[in-house]
Amino acid sequence: LTGTPEACQACRAIIENELARVQERDRIIAGSSTGGCGGGGSGSGGCGGGGAYGGGAVLALSSAEPNEVRIPQQYVGWIKGAGGAQIKDIEVRTAAHVTVDQSTKDQGYSRALL
């Protein structure tokens, strides 16, 4: 991300909020497809838990870099949006510039550089 510290902070918050929203959607869908409670599979079990990363929401992966948000690879397309529309919208809303670096996708995440 590039922009003022406030713009970068707002941009980071929007990206993290969008990740939480889509992960919650996926959790609800996974819960309803297994009958709501119980179920097996990688990382699931109990009521409402699940997903490839264990129970509950994954959110953004932690990063030591202040102007970086690590996005679980399965959600990169969601954050970018069709034709980059979601990223463009975030840039307009926050006045920060976002670049999505997918060079780490083999490690399971991409980096939104603010």
PDB file of N, CA and C in Angstrom:
ATOM      1  N   LEU A   1       0.843  -1.174   0.000  1.00  0.00           N
ATOM      2  CA  LEU A   1       0.000   0.000   0.000  1.00  0.00           C
ATOM      3  C   LEU A   1       0.879   1.224   0.000  1.00  0.00           C
ATOM      4  N   THR A   2       0.443   2.191  -0.735  1.00  0.00           N
ATOM      5  CA  THR A   2       1.088   3.484  -0.651  1.00  0.00           C
ATOM      6  C   THR A   2       0.009   4.519  -0.419  1.00  0.00           C
ATOM      7  N   GLY A   3       0.349   5.518   0.339  1.00  0.00           N
ATOM      8  CA  GLY A   3      -0.583   6.571   0.703  1.00  0.00           C
ATOM      9  C   GLY A   3      -0.218   7.068   2.083  1.00  0.00           C
ATOM     10  N   THR A   4      -1.047   7.955   2.592  1.00  0.00           N
ATOM     11  CA  THR A   4      -0.803   8.451   3.940  1.00  0.00           C
ATOM     12  C   THR A   4      -0.974   7.299   4.929  1.00  0.00           C
ATOM     13  N   PRO A   5      -0.389   7.429   6.114  1.00  0.00           N
ATOM     14  CA  PRO A   5      -0.577   6.365   7.116  1.00  0.00           C
ATOM     15  C   PRO A   5      -2.058   6.093   7.401  1.00  0.00           C
ATOM     16  N   GLU A   6      -2.860   7.154   7.424  1.00  0.00           N
ATOM     17  CA  GLU A   6      -4.290   6.989   7.683  1.00  0.00           C
ATOM     18  C   GLU A   6      -4.967   6.239   6.541  1.00  0.00           C
ATOM     19  N   ALA A   7      -4.585   6.559   5.298  1.00  0.00           N
ATOM     20  CA  ALA A   7      -5.163   5.886   4.136  1.00  0.00           C
ATOM     21  C   ALA A   7      -4.787   4.403   4.137  1.00  0.00           C
ATOM     22  N   CYS A   8      -3.532   4.118   4.449  1.00  0.00           N
ATOM     23  CA  CYS A   8      -3.087   2.722   4.497  1.00  0.00           C
ATOM     24  C   CYS A   8      -3.804   1.963   5.604  1.00  0.00           C
ATOM     25  N   GLN A   9      -4.002   2.604   6.741  1.00  0.00           N
ATOM     26  CA  GLN A   9      -4.697   1.959   7.852  1.00  0.00           C
ATOM     27  C   GLN A   9      -6.154   1.680   7.466  1.00  0.00           C
ATOM     28  N   ALA A  10      -6.796   2.621   6.814  1.00  0.00           N
ATOM     29  CA  ALA A  10      -8.180   2.424   6.373  1.00  0.00           C
ATOM     30  C   ALA A  10      -8.256   1.311   5.337  1.00  0.00           C
ATOM     31  N   CYS A  11      -7.295   1.274   4.430  1.00  0.00           N
ATOM     32  CA  CYS A  11      -7.250   0.248   3.396  1.00  0.00           C
ATOM     33  C   CYS A  11      -7.068  -1.131   4.026  1.00  0.00           C
ATOM     34  N   ARG A  12      -6.148  -1.237   4.962  1.00  0.00           N
ATOM     35  CA  ARG A  12      -5.910  -2.507   5.665  1.00  0.00           C
ATOM     36  C   ARG A  12      -7.188  -2.970   6.363  1.00  0.00           C
ATOM     37  N   ALA A  13      -7.884  -2.043   7.006  1.00  0.00           N
ATOM     38  CA  ALA A  13      -9.113  -2.389   7.724  1.00  0.00           C
ATOM     39  C   ALA A  13     -10.178  -2.909   6.763  1.00  0.00           C
ATOM     40  N   ILE A  14     -10.306  -2.292   5.595  1.00  0.00           N
ATOM     41  CA  ILE A  14     -11.304  -2.738   4.619  1.00  0.00           C
ATOM     42  C   ILE A  14     -10.955  -4.132   4.119  1.00  0.00           C
ATOM     43  N   ILE A  15      -9.690  -4.371   3.784  1.00  0.00           N
ATOM     44  CA  ILE A  15      -9.277  -5.687   3.293  1.00  0.00           C
ATOM     45  C   ILE A  15      -9.533  -6.748   4.365  1.00  0.00           C
ATOM     46  N   GLU A  16      -9.151  -6.465   5.598  1.00  0.00           N
ATOM     47  CA  GLU A  16      -9.361  -7.428   6.675  1.00  0.00           C
ATOM     48  C   GLU A  16     -10.847  -7.675   6.909  1.00  0.00           C
ATOM     49  N   ASN A  17     -11.671  -6.626   6.812  1.00  0.00           N
ATOM     50  CA  ASN A  17     -13.112  -6.775   6.976  1.00  0.00           C
ATOM     51  C   ASN A  17     -13.702  -7.631   5.856  1.00  0.00           C
ATOM     52  N   GLU A  18     -13.259  -7.410   4.624  1.00  0.00           N
ATOM     53  CA  GLU A  18     -13.749  -8.217   3.500  1.00  0.00           C
ATOM     54  C   GLU A  18     -13.353  -9.682   3.666  1.00  0.00           C
ATOM     55  N   LEU A  19     -12.138  -9.925   4.132  1.00  0.00           N
ATOM     56  CA  LEU A  19     -11.713 -11.304   4.379  1.00  0.00           C
ATOM     57  C   LEU A  19     -12.586 -11.953   5.443  1.00  0.00           C
ATOM     58  N   ALA A  20     -12.858 -11.229   6.512  1.00  0.00           N
ATOM     59  CA  ALA A  20     -13.702 -11.772   7.582  1.00  0.00           C
ATOM     60  C   ALA A  20     -15.096 -12.077   7.056  1.00  0.00           C
ATOM     61  N   ARG A  21     -15.604 -11.203   6.208  1.00  0.00           N
ATOM     62  CA  ARG A  21     -16.956 -11.383   5.668  1.00  0.00           C
ATOM     63  C   ARG A  21     -17.046 -12.621   4.782  1.00  0.00           C
ATOM     64  N   VAL A  22     -16.090 -12.797   3.879  1.00  0.00           N
ATOM     65  CA  VAL A  22     -16.148 -13.954   2.982  1.00  0.00           C
ATOM     66  C   VAL A  22     -15.863 -15.246   3.740  1.00  0.00           C
ATOM     67  N   GLN A  23     -15.008 -15.181   4.740  1.00  0.00           N
ATOM     68  CA  GLN A  23     -14.735 -16.372   5.536  1.00  0.00           C
ATOM     69  C   GLN A  23     -15.953 -16.765   6.360  1.00  0.00           C
ATOM     70  N   GLU A  24     -16.681 -15.798   6.866  1.00  0.00           N
ATOM     71  CA  GLU A  24     -17.912 -16.090   7.600  1.00  0.00           C
ATOM     72  C   GLU A  24     -18.928 -16.720   6.663  1.00  0.00           C
ATOM     73  N   ARG A  25     -19.034 -16.197   5.448  1.00  0.00           N
ATOM     74  CA  ARG A  25     -19.933 -16.786   4.457  1.00  0.00           C
ATOM     75  C   ARG A  25     -19.568 -18.245   4.206  1.00  0.00           C
ATOM     76  N   ASP A  26     -18.275 -18.506   4.018  1.00  0.00           N
ATOM     77  CA  ASP A  26     -17.827 -19.877   3.774  1.00  0.00           C
ATOM     78  C   ASP A  26     -18.099 -20.782   4.979  1.00  0.00           C
ATOM     79  N   ARG A  27     -17.938 -20.252   6.168  1.00  0.00           N
ATOM     80  CA  ARG A  27     -18.204 -21.030   7.381  1.00  0.00           C
ATOM     81  C   ARG A  27     -19.673 -21.399   7.462  1.00  0.00           C
ATOM     82  N   ILE A  28     -20.557 -20.464   7.137  1.00  0.00           N
ATOM     83  CA  ILE A  28     -21.996 -20.733   7.171  1.00  0.00           C
ATOM     84  C   ILE A  28     -22.361 -21.774   6.125  1.00  0.00           C
ATOM     85  N   ILE A  29     -21.808 -21.627   4.927  1.00  0.00           N
ATOM     86  CA  ILE A  29     -22.089 -22.592   3.861  1.00  0.00           C
ATOM     87  C   ILE A  29     -21.589 -23.972   4.258  1.00  0.00           C
ATOM     88  N   ALA A  30     -20.386 -24.063   4.804  1.00  0.00           N
ATOM     89  CA  ALA A  30     -19.828 -25.351   5.223  1.00  0.00           C
ATOM     90  C   ALA A  30     -20.672 -25.959   6.333  1.00  0.00           C
ATOM     91  N   GLY A  31     -21.152 -25.139   7.252  1.00  0.00           N
ATOM     92  CA  GLY A  31     -21.982 -25.629   8.343  1.00  0.00           C
ATOM     93  C   GLY A  31     -23.308 -26.161   7.855  1.00  0.00           C
ATOM     94  N   SER A  32     -23.895 -25.481   6.867  1.00  0.00           N
ATOM     95  CA  SER A  32     -25.196 -25.936   6.372  1.00  0.00           C
ATOM     96  C   SER A  32     -25.060 -27.179   5.507  1.00  0.00           C
ATOM     97  N   SER A  33     -23.908 -27.363   4.864  1.00  0.00           N
ATOM     98  CA  SER A  33     -23.739 -28.544   4.018  1.00  0.00           C
ATOM     99  C   SER A  33     -23.452 -29.799   4.841  1.00  0.00           C
ATOM    100  N   THR A  34     -23.063 -29.637   6.100  1.00  0.00           N
ATOM    101  CA  THR A  34     -22.812 -30.803   6.960  1.00  0.00           C
ATOM    102  C   THR A  34     -23.933 -30.990   7.976  1.00  0.00           C
ATOM    103  N   GLY A  35     -25.037 -30.258   7.790  1.00  0.00           N
ATOM    104  CA  GLY A  35     -26.141 -30.387   8.734  1.00  0.00           C
ATOM    105  C   GLY A  35     -25.988 -29.475   9.925  1.00  0.00           C
ATOM    106  N   GLY A  36     -25.012 -28.570   9.899  1.00  0.00           N
ATOM    107  CA  GLY A  36     -24.876 -27.580  10.956  1.00  0.00           C
ATOM    108  C   GLY A  36     -23.884 -27.949  12.027  1.00  0.00           C
ATOM    109  N   CYS A  37     -23.902 -29.153  12.551  1.00  0.00           N
ATOM    110  CA  CYS A  37     -23.018 -29.536  13.639  1.00  0.00           C
ATOM    111  C   CYS A  37     -22.339 -30.852  13.320  1.00  0.00           C
ATOM    112  N   GLY A  38     -21.262 -31.106  14.001  1.00  0.00           N
ATOM    113  CA  GLY A  38     -20.530 -32.352  13.778  1.00  0.00           C
ATOM    114  C   GLY A  38     -19.762 -32.275  12.485  1.00  0.00           C
ATOM    115  N   GLY A  39     -19.794 -33.329  11.731  1.00  0.00           N
ATOM    116  CA  GLY A  39     -19.092 -33.342  10.452  1.00  0.00           C
ATOM    117  C   GLY A  39     -17.646 -33.695  10.638  1.00  0.00           C
ATOM    118  N   GLY A  40     -17.025 -34.077   9.569  1.00  0.00           N
ATOM    119  CA  GLY A  40     -15.613 -34.439   9.622  1.00  0.00           C
ATOM    120  C   GLY A  40     -14.841 -33.584   8.671  1.00  0.00           C
ATOM    121  N   GLY A  41     -13.734 -34.084   8.200  1.00  0.00           N
ATOM    122  CA  GLY A  41     -12.926 -33.358   7.238  1.00  0.00           C
ATOM    123  C   GLY A  41     -11.862 -32.534   7.909  1.00  0.00           C
ATOM    124  N   SER A  42     -10.995 -32.024   7.098  1.00  0.00           N
ATOM    125  CA  SER A  42      -9.845 -31.267   7.593  1.00  0.00           C
ATOM    126  C   SER A  42     -10.273 -30.012   8.327  1.00  0.00           C
ATOM    127  N   GLY A  43      -9.940 -29.940   9.596  1.00  0.00           N
ATOM    128  CA  GLY A  43     -10.165 -28.726  10.362  1.00  0.00           C
ATOM    129  C   GLY A  43     -11.591 -28.509  10.809  1.00  0.00           C
ATOM    130  N   SER A  44     -12.508 -29.435  10.531  1.00  0.00           N
ATOM    131  CA  SER A  44     -13.883 -29.185  10.920  1.00  0.00           C
ATOM    132  C   SER A  44     -14.261 -30.004  12.132  1.00  0.00           C
ATOM    133  N   GLY A  45     -15.463 -29.805  12.557  1.00  0.00           N
ATOM    134  CA  GLY A  45     -15.971 -30.516  13.719  1.00  0.00           C
ATOM    135  C   GLY A  45     -16.624 -29.542  14.650  1.00  0.00           C
ATOM    136  N   GLY A  46     -17.461 -30.034  15.492  1.00  0.00           N
ATOM    137  CA  GLY A  46     -18.198 -29.160  16.378  1.00  0.00           C
ATOM    138  C   GLY A  46     -19.225 -28.376  15.593  1.00  0.00           C
ATOM    139  N   CYS A  47     -19.772 -27.368  16.187  1.00  0.00           N
ATOM    140  CA  CYS A  47     -20.775 -26.539  15.533  1.00  0.00           C
ATOM    141  C   CYS A  47     -20.112 -25.301  14.946  1.00  0.00           C
ATOM    142  N   GLY A  48     -20.217 -25.117  13.649  1.00  0.00           N
ATOM    143  CA  GLY A  48     -19.787 -23.879  13.017  1.00  0.00           C
ATOM    144  C   GLY A  48     -18.311 -23.743  12.752  1.00  0.00           C
ATOM    145  N   GLY A  49     -17.472 -24.616  13.225  1.00  0.00           N
ATOM    146  CA  GLY A  49     -16.041 -24.495  12.942  1.00  0.00           C
ATOM    147  C   GLY A  49     -15.756 -24.950  11.542  1.00  0.00           C
ATOM    148  N   GLY A  50     -14.514 -25.063  11.200  1.00  0.00           N
ATOM    149  CA  GLY A  50     -14.217 -25.681   9.919  1.00  0.00           C
ATOM    150  C   GLY A  50     -13.309 -24.860   9.068  1.00  0.00           C
ATOM    151  N   GLY A  51     -13.117 -25.361   7.880  1.00  0.00           N
ATOM    152  CA  GLY A  51     -12.236 -24.705   6.945  1.00  0.00           C
ATOM    153  C   GLY A  51     -10.865 -25.329   6.979  1.00  0.00           C
ATOM    154  N   ALA A  52     -10.094 -25.013   5.973  1.00  0.00           N
ATOM    155  CA  ALA A  52      -8.777 -25.613   5.831  1.00  0.00           C
ATOM    156  C   ALA A  52      -7.810 -25.177   6.924  1.00  0.00           C
ATOM    157  N   TYR A  53      -8.118 -24.083   7.630  1.00  0.00           N
ATOM    158  CA  TYR A  53      -7.175 -23.549   8.611  1.00  0.00           C
ATOM    159  C   TYR A  53      -7.598 -23.831  10.038  1.00  0.00           C
ATOM    160  N   GLY A  54      -8.592 -24.708  10.234  1.00  0.00           N
ATOM    161  CA  GLY A  54      -9.047 -25.016  11.580  1.00  0.00           C
ATOM    162  C   GLY A  54     -10.333 -24.290  11.882  1.00  0.00           C
ATOM    163  N   GLY A  55     -10.804 -24.384  13.117  1.00  0.00           N
ATOM    164  CA  GLY A  55     -12.070 -23.795  13.486  1.00  0.00           C
ATOM    165  C   GLY A  55     -12.047 -22.287  13.490  1.00  0.00           C
ATOM    166  N   GLY A  56     -13.170 -21.700  13.149  1.00  0.00           N
ATOM    167  CA  GLY A  56     -13.320 -20.262  13.202  1.00  0.00           C
ATOM    168  C   GLY A  56     -12.738 -19.566  11.991  1.00  0.00           C
ATOM    169  N   ALA A  57     -12.773 -18.249  12.036  1.00  0.00           N
ATOM    170  CA  ALA A  57     -12.327 -17.445  10.900  1.00  0.00           C
ATOM    171  C   ALA A  57     -10.808 -17.377  10.843  1.00  0.00           C
ATOM    172  N   VAL A  58     -10.282 -17.307   9.631  1.00  0.00           N
ATOM    173  CA  VAL A  58      -8.847 -17.203   9.415  1.00  0.00           C
ATOM    174  C   VAL A  58      -8.402 -15.756   9.484  1.00  0.00           C
ATOM    175  N   LEU A  59      -9.179 -14.884   8.918  1.00  0.00           N
ATOM    176  CA  LEU A  59      -8.846 -13.474   8.771  1.00  0.00           C
ATOM    177  C   LEU A  59      -7.554 -13.329   7.992  1.00  0.00           C
ATOM    178  N   ALA A  60      -6.993 -12.143   7.997  1.00  0.00           N
ATOM    179  CA  ALA A  60      -5.735 -11.936   7.305  1.00  0.00           C
ATOM    180  C   ALA A  60      -4.633 -12.642   8.091  1.00  0.00           C
ATOM    181  N   LEU A  61      -3.665 -13.169   7.379  1.00  0.00           N
ATOM    182  CA  LEU A  61      -2.539 -13.813   8.034  1.00  0.00           C
ATOM    183  C   LEU A  61      -1.613 -12.736   8.573  1.00  0.00           C
ATOM    184  N   SER A  62      -0.980 -12.986   9.697  1.00  0.00           N
ATOM    185  CA  SER A  62      -0.129 -11.966  10.299  1.00  0.00           C
ATOM    186  C   SER A  62       1.081 -11.677   9.419  1.00  0.00           C
ATOM    187  N   SER A  63       1.519 -10.450   9.470  1.00  0.00           N
ATOM    188  CA  SER A  63       2.668 -10.013   8.695  1.00  0.00           C
ATOM    189  C   SER A  63       3.500  -9.065   9.539  1.00  0.00           C
ATOM    190  N   ALA A  64       4.803  -9.172   9.418  1.00  0.00           N
ATOM    191  CA  ALA A  64       5.699  -8.280  10.145  1.00  0.00           C
ATOM    192  C   ALA A  64       5.762  -6.910   9.480  1.00  0.00           C
ATOM    193  N   GLU A  65       5.361  -6.840   8.228  1.00  0.00           N
ATOM    194  CA  GLU A  65       5.426  -5.582   7.480  1.00  0.00           C
ATOM    195  C   GLU A  65       4.174  -4.748   7.739  1.00  0.00           C
ATOM    196  N   PRO A  66       4.347  -3.457   8.099  1.00  0.00           N
ATOM    197  CA  PRO A  66       3.180  -2.625   8.405  1.00  0.00           C
ATOM    198  C   PRO A  66       2.302  -2.325   7.190  1.00  0.00           C
ATOM    199  N   ASN A  67       2.880  -2.286   6.005  1.00  0.00           N
ATOM    200  CA  ASN A  67       2.110  -1.973   4.804  1.00  0.00           C
ATOM    201  C   ASN A  67       1.869  -3.215   3.954  1.00  0.00           C
ATOM    202  N   GLU A  68       1.580  -4.312   4.630  1.00  0.00           N
ATOM    203  CA  GLU A  68       1.331  -5.576   3.944  1.00  0.00           C
ATOM    204  C   GLU A  68       0.210  -6.312   4.655  1.00  0.00           C
ATOM    205  N   VAL A  69      -0.701  -6.849   3.858  1.00  0.00           N
ATOM    206  CA  VAL A  69      -1.735  -7.736   4.388  1.00  0.00           C
ATOM    207  C   VAL A  69      -1.580  -9.048   3.648  1.00  0.00           C
ATOM    208  N   ARG A  70      -1.405 -10.118   4.379  1.00  0.00           N
ATOM    209  CA  ARG A  70      -1.300 -11.443   3.759  1.00  0.00           C
ATOM    210  C   ARG A  70      -2.711 -12.012   3.621  1.00  0.00           C
ATOM    211  N   ILE A  71      -3.039 -12.383   2.391  1.00  0.00           N
ATOM    212  CA  ILE A  71      -4.371 -12.865   2.071  1.00  0.00           C
ATOM    213  C   ILE A  71      -4.293 -14.363   1.792  1.00  0.00           C
ATOM    214  N   PRO A  72      -5.060 -15.187   2.519  1.00  0.00           N
ATOM    215  CA  PRO A  72      -5.081 -16.615   2.191  1.00  0.00           C
ATOM    216  C   PRO A  72      -5.390 -16.770   0.698  1.00  0.00           C
ATOM    217  N   GLN A  73      -4.653 -17.618   0.023  1.00  0.00           N
ATOM    218  CA  GLN A  73      -4.717 -17.709  -1.440  1.00  0.00           C
ATOM    219  C   GLN A  73      -6.137 -17.948  -1.958  1.00  0.00           C
ATOM    220  N   GLN A  74      -6.927 -18.701  -1.220  1.00  0.00           N
ATOM    221  CA  GLN A  74      -8.275 -18.999  -1.695  1.00  0.00           C
ATOM    222  C   GLN A  74      -9.162 -17.764  -1.764  1.00  0.00           C
ATOM    223  N   TYR A  75      -8.744 -16.641  -1.141  1.00  0.00           N
ATOM    224  CA  TYR A  75      -9.560 -15.430  -1.126  1.00  0.00           C
ATOM    225  C   TYR A  75      -8.991 -14.292  -1.959  1.00  0.00           C
ATOM    226  N   VAL A  76      -7.907 -14.528  -2.667  1.00  0.00           N
ATOM    227  CA  VAL A  76      -7.294 -13.471  -3.472  1.00  0.00           C
ATOM    228  C   VAL A  76      -8.263 -12.976  -4.545  1.00  0.00           C
ATOM    229  N   GLY A  77      -8.923 -13.897  -5.240  1.00  0.00           N
ATOM    230  CA  GLY A  77      -9.877 -13.498  -6.272  1.00  0.00           C
ATOM    231  C   GLY A  77     -11.015 -12.668  -5.721  1.00  0.00           C
ATOM    232  N   TRP A  78     -11.457 -13.011  -4.521  1.00  0.00           N
ATOM    233  CA  TRP A  78     -12.528 -12.253  -3.871  1.00  0.00           C
ATOM    234  C   TRP A  78     -12.070 -10.830  -3.579  1.00  0.00           C
ATOM    235  N   ILE A  79     -10.873 -10.681  -3.044  1.00  0.00           N
ATOM    236  CA  ILE A  79     -10.362  -9.350  -2.708  1.00  0.00           C
ATOM    237  C   ILE A  79     -10.120  -8.525  -3.971  1.00  0.00           C
ATOM    238  N   LYS A  80      -9.581  -9.153  -5.005  1.00  0.00           N
ATOM    239  CA  LYS A  80      -9.319  -8.419  -6.251  1.00  0.00           C
ATOM    240  C   LYS A  80     -10.619  -8.030  -6.946  1.00  0.00           C
ATOM    241  N   GLY A  81     -11.579  -8.935  -6.966  1.00  0.00           N
ATOM    242  CA  GLY A  81     -12.839  -8.666  -7.650  1.00  0.00           C
ATOM    243  C   GLY A  81     -12.700  -8.869  -9.148  1.00  0.00           C
ATOM    244  N   ALA A  82     -13.829  -8.875  -9.826  1.00  0.00           N
ATOM    245  CA  ALA A  82     -13.856  -9.065 -11.283  1.00  0.00           C
ATOM    246  C   ALA A  82     -13.126  -7.914 -11.962  1.00  0.00           C
ATOM    247  N   GLY A  83     -12.091  -8.249 -12.711  1.00  0.00           N
ATOM    248  CA  GLY A  83     -11.323  -7.226 -13.414  1.00  0.00           C
ATOM    249  C   GLY A  83     -10.634  -6.234 -12.490  1.00  0.00           C
ATOM    250  N   GLY A  84     -10.422  -6.631 -11.233  1.00  0.00           N
ATOM    251  CA  GLY A  84      -9.774  -5.734 -10.271  1.00  0.00           C
ATOM    252  C   GLY A  84     -10.708  -4.686  -9.692  1.00  0.00           C
ATOM    253  N   ALA A  85     -12.019  -4.862  -9.888  1.00  0.00           N
ATOM    254  CA  ALA A  85     -12.991  -3.848  -9.459  1.00  0.00           C
ATOM    255  C   ALA A  85     -12.993  -3.623  -7.953  1.00  0.00           C
ATOM    256  N   GLN A  86     -12.867  -4.684  -7.164  1.00  0.00           N
ATOM    257  CA  GLN A  86     -12.907  -4.516  -5.708  1.00  0.00           C
ATOM    258  C   GLN A  86     -11.673  -3.743  -5.224  1.00  0.00           C
ATOM    259  N   ILE A  87     -10.502  -4.071  -5.752  1.00  0.00           N
ATOM    260  CA  ILE A  87      -9.278  -3.340  -5.377  1.00  0.00           C
ATOM    261  C   ILE A  87      -9.407  -1.872  -5.772  1.00  0.00           C
ATOM    262  N   LYS A  88      -9.916  -1.616  -6.978  1.00  0.00           N
ATOM    263  CA  LYS A  88     -10.096  -0.225  -7.430  1.00  0.00           C
ATOM    264  C   LYS A  88     -11.042   0.524  -6.499  1.00  0.00           C
ATOM    265  N   ASP A  89     -12.122  -0.143  -6.075  1.00  0.00           N
ATOM    266  CA  ASP A  89     -13.072   0.478  -5.162  1.00  0.00           C
ATOM    267  C   ASP A  89     -12.406   0.798  -3.824  1.00  0.00           C
ATOM    268  N   ILE A  90     -11.616  -0.133  -3.311  1.00  0.00           N
ATOM    269  CA  ILE A  90     -10.902   0.094  -2.050  1.00  0.00           C
ATOM    270  C   ILE A  90      -9.950   1.278  -2.200  1.00  0.00           C
ATOM    271  N   GLU A  91      -9.258   1.354  -3.330  1.00  0.00           N
ATOM    272  CA  GLU A  91      -8.330   2.471  -3.567  1.00  0.00           C
ATOM    273  C   GLU A  91      -9.068   3.805  -3.592  1.00  0.00           C
ATOM    274  N   VAL A  92     -10.221   3.845  -4.246  1.00  0.00           N
ATOM    275  CA  VAL A  92     -11.006   5.077  -4.307  1.00  0.00           C
ATOM    276  C   VAL A  92     -11.495   5.466  -2.920  1.00  0.00           C
ATOM    277  N   ARG A  93     -11.979   4.483  -2.158  1.00  0.00           N
ATOM    278  CA  ARG A  93     -12.526   4.750  -0.823  1.00  0.00           C
ATOM    279  C   ARG A  93     -11.476   5.205   0.171  1.00  0.00           C
ATOM    280  N   THR A  94     -10.222   4.763  -0.014  1.00  0.00           N
ATOM    281  CA  THR A  94      -9.200   5.050   1.003  1.00  0.00           C
ATOM    282  C   THR A  94      -8.101   5.992   0.538  1.00  0.00           C
ATOM    283  N   ALA A  95      -7.974   6.232  -0.751  1.00  0.00           N
ATOM    284  CA  ALA A  95      -6.895   7.038  -1.332  1.00  0.00           C
ATOM    285  C   ALA A  95      -5.524   6.383  -1.134  1.00  0.00           C
ATOM    286  N   ALA A  96      -5.510   5.067  -0.934  1.00  0.00           N
ATOM    287  CA  ALA A  96      -4.264   4.306  -0.858  1.00  0.00           C
ATOM    288  C   ALA A  96      -4.157   3.477  -2.130  1.00  0.00           C
ATOM    289  N   HIS A  97      -2.944   3.141  -2.516  1.00  0.00           N
ATOM    290  CA  HIS A  97      -2.725   2.294  -3.687  1.00  0.00           C
ATOM    291  C   HIS A  97      -2.389   0.882  -3.224  1.00  0.00           C
ATOM    292  N   VAL A  98      -3.022  -0.105  -3.846  1.00  0.00           N
ATOM    293  CA  VAL A  98      -2.833  -1.509  -3.456  1.00  0.00           C
ATOM    294  C   VAL A  98      -2.262  -2.288  -4.631  1.00  0.00           C
ATOM    295  N   THR A  99      -1.226  -3.071  -4.363  1.00  0.00           N
ATOM    296  CA  THR A  99      -0.679  -4.010  -5.342  1.00  0.00           C
ATOM    297  C   THR A  99      -0.775  -5.399  -4.731  1.00  0.00           C
ATOM    298  N   VAL A 100      -1.326  -6.341  -5.486  1.00  0.00           N
ATOM    299  CA  VAL A 100      -1.416  -7.723  -4.994  1.00  0.00           C
ATOM    300  C   VAL A 100      -0.266  -8.510  -5.605  1.00  0.00           C
ATOM    301  N   ASP A 101       0.618  -8.968  -4.744  1.00  0.00           N
ATOM    302  CA  ASP A 101       1.786  -9.754  -5.142  1.00  0.00           C
ATOM    303  C   ASP A 101       1.479 -11.226  -4.886  1.00  0.00           C
ATOM    304  N   GLN A 102       1.397 -12.014  -5.959  1.00  0.00           N
ATOM    305  CA  GLN A 102       1.071 -13.426  -5.817  1.00  0.00           C
ATOM    306  C   GLN A 102       2.295 -14.331  -5.909  1.00  0.00           C
ATOM    307  N   SER A 103       3.478 -13.771  -5.740  1.00  0.00           N
ATOM    308  CA  SER A 103       4.697 -14.582  -5.825  1.00  0.00           C
ATOM    309  C   SER A 103       4.803 -15.594  -4.687  1.00  0.00           C
ATOM    310  N   THR A 104       4.000 -15.441  -3.642  1.00  0.00           N
ATOM    311  CA  THR A 104       4.038 -16.360  -2.504  1.00  0.00           C
ATOM    312  C   THR A 104       2.854 -17.328  -2.512  1.00  0.00           C
ATOM    313  N   LYS A 105       2.122 -17.413  -3.627  1.00  0.00           N
ATOM    314  CA  LYS A 105       0.914 -18.244  -3.637  1.00  0.00           C
ATOM    315  C   LYS A 105       1.193 -19.712  -3.367  1.00  0.00           C
ATOM    316  N   ASP A 106       2.402 -20.197  -3.709  1.00  0.00           N
ATOM    317  CA  ASP A 106       2.751 -21.586  -3.405  1.00  0.00           C
ATOM    318  C   ASP A 106       2.858 -21.827  -1.900  1.00  0.00           C
ATOM    319  N   GLN A 107       2.989 -20.759  -1.131  1.00  0.00           N
ATOM    320  CA  GLN A 107       3.051 -20.860   0.331  1.00  0.00           C
ATOM    321  C   GLN A 107       1.660 -20.715   0.954  1.00  0.00           C
ATOM    322  N   GLY A 108       0.635 -20.554   0.108  1.00  0.00           N
ATOM    323  CA  GLY A 108      -0.739 -20.506   0.598  1.00  0.00           C
ATOM    324  C   GLY A 108      -1.305 -19.118   0.806  1.00  0.00           C
ATOM    325  N   TYR A 109      -0.564 -18.084   0.430  1.00  0.00           N
ATOM    326  CA  TYR A 109      -1.065 -16.730   0.596  1.00  0.00           C
ATOM    327  C   TYR A 109      -0.466 -15.823  -0.478  1.00  0.00           C
ATOM    328  N   SER A 110      -1.122 -14.697  -0.679  1.00  0.00           N
ATOM    329  CA  SER A 110      -0.581 -13.620  -1.493  1.00  0.00           C
ATOM    330  C   SER A 110      -0.499 -12.393  -0.612  1.00  0.00           C
ATOM    331  N   ARG A 111       0.244 -11.408  -1.074  1.00  0.00           N
ATOM    332  CA  ARG A 111       0.454 -10.204  -0.263  1.00  0.00           C
ATOM    333  C   ARG A 111      -0.214  -9.005  -0.925  1.00  0.00           C
ATOM    334  N   ALA A 112      -1.052  -8.319  -0.166  1.00  0.00           N
ATOM    335  CA  ALA A 112      -1.579  -7.022  -0.605  1.00  0.00           C
ATOM    336  C   ALA A 112      -0.594  -5.999  -0.059  1.00  0.00           C
ATOM    337  N   LEU A 113       0.118  -5.366  -0.965  1.00  0.00           N
ATOM    338  CA  LEU A 113       1.117  -4.374  -0.567  1.00  0.00           C
ATOM    339  C   LEU A 113       0.475  -3.011  -0.619  1.00  0.00           C
ATOM    340  N   LEU A 114       0.467  -2.341   0.528  1.00  0.00           N
ATOM    341  CA  LEU A 114      -0.169  -1.043   0.656  1.00  0.00           C
ATOM    342  C   LEU A 114       0.849   0.065   0.561  1.00  0.00           C
TER     343      LEU A 114
END
